[in-house]
Protein backbone atom coordinates (compact mmCIF):
# COMPACT_ATOMS: atom_id res chain seq x y z
CA MET A 1 177.48 46.54 15.08
CA SER A 2 177.38 49.87 16.61
CA THR A 3 178.18 50.85 20.20
CA PRO A 4 175.24 52.05 22.26
CA SER A 5 175.05 55.66 23.06
CA SER A 6 175.52 56.62 26.63
CA GLY A 7 172.42 57.53 28.52
CA ALA A 8 171.78 60.60 30.54
CA GLY A 9 173.23 59.22 33.88
CA ASP A 10 175.80 56.65 32.59
CA ARG A 11 178.78 59.01 33.33
CA LEU A 12 177.60 59.58 36.88
CA VAL A 13 177.15 55.77 37.42
CA ARG A 14 180.67 55.10 36.15
CA ILE A 15 182.24 57.94 38.24
CA GLY A 16 180.30 56.76 41.35
CA ALA A 17 181.60 53.19 40.90
CA ILE A 18 185.27 54.37 40.63
CA VAL A 19 184.78 56.59 43.71
CA PHE A 20 183.18 53.63 45.53
CA PHE A 21 186.03 51.34 44.58
CA ILE A 22 188.58 53.81 45.81
CA GLY A 23 186.68 54.05 49.11
CA ALA A 24 186.48 50.37 49.35
CA LEU A 25 190.30 50.02 48.84
CA SER A 26 190.94 52.61 51.44
CA THR A 27 188.68 50.84 53.81
CA LEU A 28 190.60 47.54 53.37
CA ALA A 29 193.86 49.39 53.85
CA THR A 30 192.59 51.03 56.98
CA MET A 31 191.22 47.90 58.60
CA ALA A 32 194.21 45.71 57.71
CA PRO A 33 196.33 47.20 60.51
CA LEU A 34 193.77 46.36 63.05
CA PHE A 35 193.83 42.72 62.11
CA LEU A 36 197.48 42.48 61.50
CA GLY A 37 198.36 44.02 64.88
CA THR A 38 200.37 46.97 63.60
CA HIS A 39 199.97 50.67 64.15
CA PRO A 40 196.71 52.16 62.83
CA LEU A 41 196.84 54.56 59.93
CA PRO A 42 196.44 58.33 60.39
CA PRO A 43 192.94 59.92 60.53
CA ILE A 44 193.17 61.04 56.90
CA ALA A 45 193.07 57.42 55.92
CA TRP A 46 189.83 56.85 57.87
CA SER A 47 188.23 59.90 56.21
CA LEU A 48 189.12 58.31 52.86
CA CYS A 49 186.76 55.41 53.77
CA MET A 50 183.87 57.85 53.41
CA LEU A 51 184.42 57.82 49.63
CA MET A 52 182.35 54.54 49.67
CA GLY A 53 179.28 56.43 50.65
CA VAL A 54 180.01 59.40 48.28
CA GLY A 55 180.44 56.95 45.37
CA PHE A 56 177.25 55.29 46.21
CA LEU A 57 175.39 58.61 46.26
CA ILE A 58 177.01 59.62 42.93
CA ALA A 59 175.96 56.39 41.41
CA ALA A 60 172.42 56.57 42.65
CA ALA A 61 172.09 60.15 41.24
CA GLY A 62 173.09 58.76 37.88
CA VAL A 63 170.43 56.09 38.08
CA ILE A 64 167.79 58.63 39.10
CA ARG A 65 168.91 60.83 36.28
CA SER A 66 168.61 57.98 33.87
CA VAL A 67 165.18 57.01 34.99
CA ARG A 68 163.91 60.58 34.76
CA ALA A 69 165.35 60.96 31.12
CA GLY A 70 163.69 57.66 30.24
CA ARG A 71 160.35 58.80 31.56
CA ALA A 72 160.67 62.13 29.72
CA GLY A 73 161.48 60.28 26.58
CA ARG A 74 158.66 57.81 26.94
CA THR A 75 156.03 60.52 27.47
CA GLY A 76 157.29 62.78 24.77
CA ARG A 77 156.79 60.10 22.07
CA ALA A 78 153.75 59.59 20.18
CA GLU A 79 151.91 56.31 20.81
CA VAL A 80 152.58 53.57 18.20
CA PRO A 81 149.39 52.02 17.06
CA GLY A 82 149.30 48.20 17.68
CA ALA A 83 152.03 48.20 20.22
């Protein structure tokens, strides 16, 4: 059995998921002191929370790139008779 080849936007989707996960972890770390009653984290920690949105945008760009590559591949092929 062979491994499937990666599509046009697969790498962007993976990178976006990793960046989103880092942003989610930083959001949890930033919000935890609010619930625990300790001192809040510095503003740089709050800015790391924005990585969730950045990761989502990167992943969405990968999905759009995959869709466009799929459409280009479909329209570039000859039509198979009987399909």
